[in-house]
Amino acid sequence: MALSSKPVVLLKASHPAPAFAVTALTALLAIAAGHDFRTGLLVTAAVAAGQLSIGWSNDLIDAARDRKVGRPDKPIARGELSADLVRWAVAVALFLCVVLSLACGLAAAAVHLFLGVASGWAYNLYLKRTVWSAAPYALAFGTLPAVVTLALPDPELPPLWTFFAGALLGVGAHLLNVLPDLADDASTGVRGLPNRLGERRVRVLAPLVLLAASCVVVLGPGTPDSPGPWVALGACVVLAVVSVTSRGRTPFLAAIGIALVDVVSLVVRG
């Protein structure tokens, strides 16, 4: 492998789509919360580092499973990356995550490290194999708004409804994210919540959960006094239909789209 291609392959092993999506959501939440450029960049970078550590650790932990089922999108399983290199990447990402989180303040750091990042690691290490596989997603997404608002110069907790909206988005994203991998998971003994529900139920339930999150976002701050939030909710309905009728990774991308629409709606409403 050419030296110049290693960073690209390393990035591929970090689960870049979910990592980028959560990072982008954080940046938008920071804008909505009123962060200036410096503090907004700081909390966004802390979340990005945490997401990279979670993504890389996932590929490290699952390397044997991925090799067994012949996953073509997993660089470690394909021998394109050494496990030692990825371990170093995880260590660096975790170090940066801790330092950047602490720079956001002790309260923001505690929520991010012990509820957000720790949830992702707990999922990778054990919970993905259990009926509680959605719990880390609910906790991490649900507390993300608190990480952002607690990192403000004058820390504050966000409204309670943001926790419910985030938790619902997290559960919906989890259900759709594993949808293409249900057969591979079954063959290697992984029995998370989506595996127990089955593909047919997941395809129906996940969009409903995401739309419930969108309704909380639209109605949580109070009845909208402009058509914008209702238009956003309509866009989420369209994306939910896409997630039901499509295959592969498209349902998960539609879930990311719903989350982005929800957060942009919050930014626009202030």
Protein backbone atom coordinates (compact mmCIF):
# COMPACT_ATOMS: atom_id res chain seq x y z
CA MET A 1 0.00 0.00 0.00
CA ALA A 2 1.33 3.42 -0.89
CA LEU A 3 2.15 5.57 2.11
CA SER A 4 -0.13 8.34 0.89
CA SER A 5 -3.13 5.99 0.88
CA LYS A 6 -2.80 4.89 4.51
CA PRO A 7 -4.54 7.97 5.96
CA VAL A 8 -7.44 7.41 3.57
CA VAL A 9 -7.79 3.75 4.56
CA LEU A 10 -7.41 4.65 8.24
CA LEU A 11 -10.22 7.17 7.86
CA LYS A 12 -12.34 4.49 6.19
CA ALA A 13 -11.89 2.28 9.25
CA SER A 14 -13.26 5.01 11.53
CA HIS A 15 -16.85 4.64 10.27
CA PRO A 16 -16.62 8.09 8.65
CA ALA A 17 -20.30 8.55 7.76
CA PRO A 18 -21.67 8.22 11.33
CA ALA A 19 -18.67 10.10 12.76
CA PHE A 20 -19.13 12.98 10.34
CA ALA A 21 -22.89 13.04 10.90
CA VAL A 22 -22.58 13.28 14.70
CA THR A 23 -19.84 15.90 14.36
CA ALA A 24 -21.99 17.97 11.99
CA LEU A 25 -24.97 17.66 14.34
CA THR A 26 -22.78 18.91 17.18
CA ALA A 27 -21.66 21.92 15.15
CA LEU A 28 -25.28 22.79 14.35
CA LEU A 29 -26.31 22.37 17.99
CA ALA A 30 -23.45 24.67 18.97
CA ILE A 31 -24.78 27.33 16.61
CA ALA A 32 -28.30 26.90 17.98
CA ALA A 33 -27.02 27.15 21.58
CA GLY A 34 -25.24 30.45 20.88
CA HIS A 35 -21.59 29.35 21.00
CA ASP A 36 -18.98 31.67 19.54
CA PHE A 37 -16.51 30.27 17.02
CA ARG A 38 -13.87 29.25 19.56
CA THR A 39 -16.09 27.40 22.03
CA GLY A 40 -18.22 25.91 19.25
CA LEU A 41 -15.12 24.58 17.53
CA LEU A 42 -13.82 23.19 20.82
CA VAL A 43 -16.92 21.17 21.68
CA THR A 44 -17.27 20.00 18.08
CA ALA A 45 -13.64 18.82 18.02
CA ALA A 46 -14.11 16.98 21.33
CA VAL A 47 -17.11 15.10 19.95
CA ALA A 48 -15.28 14.35 16.68
CA ALA A 49 -12.35 12.82 18.59
CA GLY A 50 -14.71 10.69 20.63
CA GLN A 51 -16.48 9.47 17.51
CA LEU A 52 -13.17 8.51 15.88
CA SER A 53 -12.19 6.48 18.95
CA ILE A 54 -15.53 4.66 18.87
CA GLY A 55 -15.35 3.96 15.14
CA TRP A 56 -11.79 2.64 15.19
CA SER A 57 -12.39 0.53 18.30
CA ASN A 58 -15.44 -1.00 16.61
CA ASP A 59 -13.37 -2.22 13.67
CA LEU A 60 -10.64 -3.51 16.00
CA ILE A 61 -13.06 -5.44 18.19
CA ASP A 62 -15.01 -6.84 15.22
CA ALA A 63 -12.00 -7.71 13.03
CA ALA A 64 -12.33 -11.47 13.52
CA ARG A 65 -16.08 -11.38 12.83
CA ASP A 66 -15.61 -9.17 9.78
CA ARG A 67 -12.92 -11.52 8.46
CA LYS A 68 -15.19 -14.52 8.96
CA VAL A 69 -18.04 -13.07 6.90
CA GLY A 70 -15.72 -11.47 4.32
CA ARG A 71 -16.73 -7.84 4.82
CA PRO A 72 -15.25 -5.92 1.85
CA ASP A 73 -15.58 -2.53 3.60
CA LYS A 74 -13.43 -3.36 6.63
CA PRO A 75 -9.74 -2.48 6.10
CA ILE A 76 -8.42 -4.34 9.16
CA ALA A 77 -10.23 -7.56 8.25
CA ARG A 78 -8.94 -7.27 4.67
CA GLY A 79 -5.35 -6.78 5.81
CA GLU A 80 -5.18 -3.22 4.45
CA LEU A 81 -4.37 -1.86 7.92
CA SER A 82 -2.42 -3.33 10.79
CA ALA A 83 -4.22 -3.67 14.10
CA ASP A 84 -1.28 -1.97 15.83
CA LEU A 85 -1.69 1.16 13.71
CA VAL A 86 -5.39 1.36 14.53
CA ARG A 87 -4.65 0.85 18.24
CA TRP A 88 -2.34 3.87 18.09
CA ALA A 89 -5.06 5.84 16.31
CA VAL A 90 -7.55 4.90 19.03
CA ALA A 91 -5.12 5.96 21.76
CA VAL A 92 -4.47 9.34 20.11
CA ALA A 93 -8.20 9.93 19.53
CA LEU A 94 -9.02 9.09 23.15
CA PHE A 95 -6.25 11.35 24.45
CA LEU A 96 -7.48 14.26 22.33
CA CYS A 97 -11.08 13.51 23.32
CA VAL A 98 -10.24 13.74 27.04
CA VAL A 99 -8.14 16.89 26.67
CA LEU A 100 -10.65 18.68 24.45
CA SER A 101 -13.60 17.61 26.62
CA LEU A 102 -11.93 18.92 29.78
CA ALA A 103 -11.24 22.20 27.95
CA CYS A 104 -15.03 22.49 27.52
CA GLY A 105 -15.50 22.43 31.30
CA LEU A 106 -15.87 19.70 33.91
CA ALA A 107 -19.64 19.34 33.53
CA ALA A 108 -19.52 19.04 29.73
CA ALA A 109 -16.55 16.67 29.98
CA ALA A 110 -18.30 14.42 32.50
CA VAL A 111 -21.42 14.10 30.35
CA HIS A 112 -19.47 13.60 27.13
CA LEU A 113 -16.91 11.11 28.45
CA PHE A 114 -19.04 9.07 30.87
CA LEU A 115 -22.37 9.10 29.02
CA GLY A 116 -21.50 9.75 25.38
CA VAL A 117 -18.13 8.14 24.62
CA ALA A 118 -18.44 5.44 27.27
CA SER A 119 -21.80 4.45 25.80
CA GLY A 120 -20.22 3.97 22.38
CA TRP A 121 -17.46 1.83 23.82
CA ALA A 122 -19.93 -0.21 25.89
CA TYR A 123 -21.87 -0.90 22.70
CA ASN A 124 -18.74 -2.07 20.88
CA LEU A 125 -17.50 -4.24 23.73
CA TYR A 126 -20.71 -5.96 24.79
CA LEU A 127 -24.11 -4.31 24.48
CA LYS A 128 -24.38 -4.75 20.69
CA ARG A 129 -24.88 -8.47 21.37
CA THR A 130 -27.78 -7.94 23.76
CA VAL A 131 -31.39 -6.80 23.75
CA TRP A 132 -30.08 -3.50 25.20
CA SER A 133 -28.14 -2.63 22.05
CA ALA A 134 -30.19 0.53 21.46
CA ALA A 135 -29.55 1.91 24.97
CA PRO A 136 -26.07 3.33 24.24
CA TYR A 137 -27.43 5.16 21.19
CA ALA A 138 -30.33 6.58 23.18
CA LEU A 139 -28.04 7.74 25.97
CA ALA A 140 -25.31 9.19 23.73
CA PHE A 141 -27.67 11.02 21.35
CA GLY A 142 -29.97 12.06 24.17
CA THR A 143 -27.20 13.72 26.16
CA LEU A 144 -25.43 15.35 23.19
CA PRO A 145 -27.42 18.62 23.54
CA ALA A 146 -26.34 18.76 27.20
CA VAL A 147 -22.68 18.39 26.20
CA VAL A 148 -23.11 21.41 23.93
CA THR A 149 -24.97 23.66 26.37
CA LEU A 150 -22.77 22.73 29.33
CA ALA A 151 -19.75 23.82 27.25
CA LEU A 152 -21.10 27.38 27.02
CA PRO A 153 -19.21 30.14 28.91
CA ASP A 154 -22.25 30.16 31.21
CA PRO A 155 -23.08 26.42 31.38
CA GLU A 156 -26.73 25.43 31.39
CA LEU A 157 -28.82 22.33 30.85
CA PRO A 158 -30.94 22.15 27.70
CA PRO A 159 -34.75 21.75 27.82
CA LEU A 160 -35.87 18.26 28.83
CA TRP A 161 -37.55 17.64 25.48
CA THR A 162 -34.16 17.74 23.70
CA PHE A 163 -33.13 14.61 25.60
CA PHE A 164 -36.20 12.72 24.37
CA ALA A 165 -35.72 13.94 20.79
CA GLY A 166 -32.05 12.94 20.81
CA ALA A 167 -32.76 9.55 22.38
CA LEU A 168 -35.40 8.77 19.76
CA LEU A 169 -33.04 9.83 16.95
CA GLY A 170 -30.35 7.58 18.40
CA VAL A 171 -32.60 4.54 18.60
CA GLY A 172 -33.87 5.08 15.05
CA ALA A 173 -30.33 5.51 13.74
CA HIS A 174 -29.22 2.31 15.49
CA LEU A 175 -32.06 0.27 14.01
CA LEU A 176 -31.33 1.46 10.46
CA ASN A 177 -27.54 1.36 10.78
CA VAL A 178 -27.44 -2.38 11.45
CA LEU A 179 -30.17 -3.26 8.94
CA PRO A 180 -27.78 -4.22 6.10
CA ASP A 181 -25.69 -6.34 8.50
CA LEU A 182 -28.43 -8.49 10.05
CA ALA A 183 -27.43 -11.64 8.15
CA ASP A 184 -23.73 -11.22 8.96
CA ASP A 185 -24.56 -10.56 12.61
CA ALA A 186 -26.74 -13.66 12.83
CA SER A 187 -23.98 -15.85 11.37
CA THR A 188 -21.49 -14.65 14.00
CA GLY A 189 -23.78 -14.84 17.02
CA VAL A 190 -24.65 -11.15 17.44
CA ARG A 191 -28.19 -10.83 18.77
CA GLY A 192 -28.87 -7.15 19.34
CA LEU A 193 -32.31 -5.58 19.45
CA PRO A 194 -32.65 -5.23 15.63
CA ASN A 195 -31.72 -8.90 15.19
CA ARG A 196 -34.40 -9.94 17.65
CA LEU A 197 -37.01 -7.74 16.00
CA GLY A 198 -36.22 -8.95 12.50
CA GLU A 199 -35.81 -7.02 9.26
CA ARG A 200 -39.53 -6.54 8.56
CA ARG A 201 -40.28 -4.99 11.95
CA VAL A 202 -37.15 -2.84 11.90
CA ARG A 203 -38.04 -1.36 8.51
CA VAL A 204 -41.39 -0.19 9.88
CA LEU A 205 -40.42 0.68 13.45
CA ALA A 206 -37.27 2.71 12.76
CA PRO A 207 -38.92 5.39 10.60
CA LEU A 208 -41.75 5.71 13.14
CA VAL A 209 -39.22 6.30 15.92
CA LEU A 210 -37.43 8.91 13.81
CA LEU A 211 -40.68 10.68 12.99
CA ALA A 212 -41.57 10.69 16.69
CA ALA A 213 -38.27 12.50 17.29
CA SER A 214 -39.15 15.02 14.58
CA CYS A 215 -42.53 15.67 16.20
CA VAL A 216 -40.80 16.33 19.53
CA VAL A 217 -38.44 18.79 17.81
CA VAL A 218 -41.34 20.61 16.13
CA LEU A 219 -43.62 20.75 19.18
CA GLY A 220 -41.08 20.75 22.02
CA PRO A 221 -40.34 24.50 21.94
CA GLY A 222 -44.07 25.25 21.60
CA THR A 223 -46.49 25.42 18.70
CA PRO A 224 -44.65 26.87 15.67
CA ASP A 225 -45.75 30.35 14.63
CA SER A 226 -44.41 29.93 11.08
CA PRO A 227 -44.71 27.22 8.40
CA GLY A 228 -40.97 26.41 8.48
CA PRO A 229 -41.06 23.68 11.17
CA TRP A 230 -44.04 22.02 9.49
CA VAL A 231 -42.17 22.03 6.18
CA ALA A 232 -39.23 20.43 7.98
CA LEU A 233 -41.54 17.78 9.42
CA GLY A 234 -42.86 17.10 5.92
CA ALA A 235 -39.29 16.63 4.68
CA CYS A 236 -38.73 14.14 7.50
CA VAL A 237 -41.82 12.19 6.40
CA VAL A 238 -40.39 11.97 2.87
CA LEU A 239 -37.04 10.76 4.22
CA ALA A 240 -38.85 8.19 6.38
CA VAL A 241 -40.60 6.84 3.29
CA VAL A 242 -37.20 6.61 1.58
CA SER A 243 -35.83 4.61 4.50
CA VAL A 244 -38.74 2.16 4.32
CA THR A 245 -38.57 1.60 0.58
CA SER A 246 -34.79 1.51 0.03
CA ARG A 247 -32.06 -1.04 0.68
CA GLY A 248 -28.36 -1.12 1.61
CA ARG A 249 -27.01 1.89 3.46
CA THR A 250 -29.66 4.26 2.11
CA PRO A 251 -32.04 3.82 5.09
CA PHE A 252 -29.26 4.86 7.47
CA LEU A 253 -28.39 7.86 5.29
CA ALA A 254 -32.07 8.80 5.36
CA ALA A 255 -31.93 8.61 9.17
CA ILE A 256 -28.96 10.97 9.16
CA GLY A 257 -30.95 13.27 6.87
CA ILE A 258 -33.86 13.33 9.32
CA ALA A 259 -31.52 14.21 12.19
CA LEU A 260 -29.94 17.01 10.16
CA VAL A 261 -33.34 18.42 9.21
CA ASP A 262 -34.40 18.35 12.86
CA VAL A 263 -31.29 20.18 14.05
CA VAL A 264 -31.39 22.73 11.24
CA SER A 265 -35.00 23.38 12.18
CA LEU A 266 -33.83 24.11 15.73
CA VAL A 267 -31.14 26.47 14.46
CA VAL A 268 -33.65 28.36 12.31
CA ARG A 269 -36.11 28.67 15.19
CA GLY A 270 -33.33 29.82 17.52
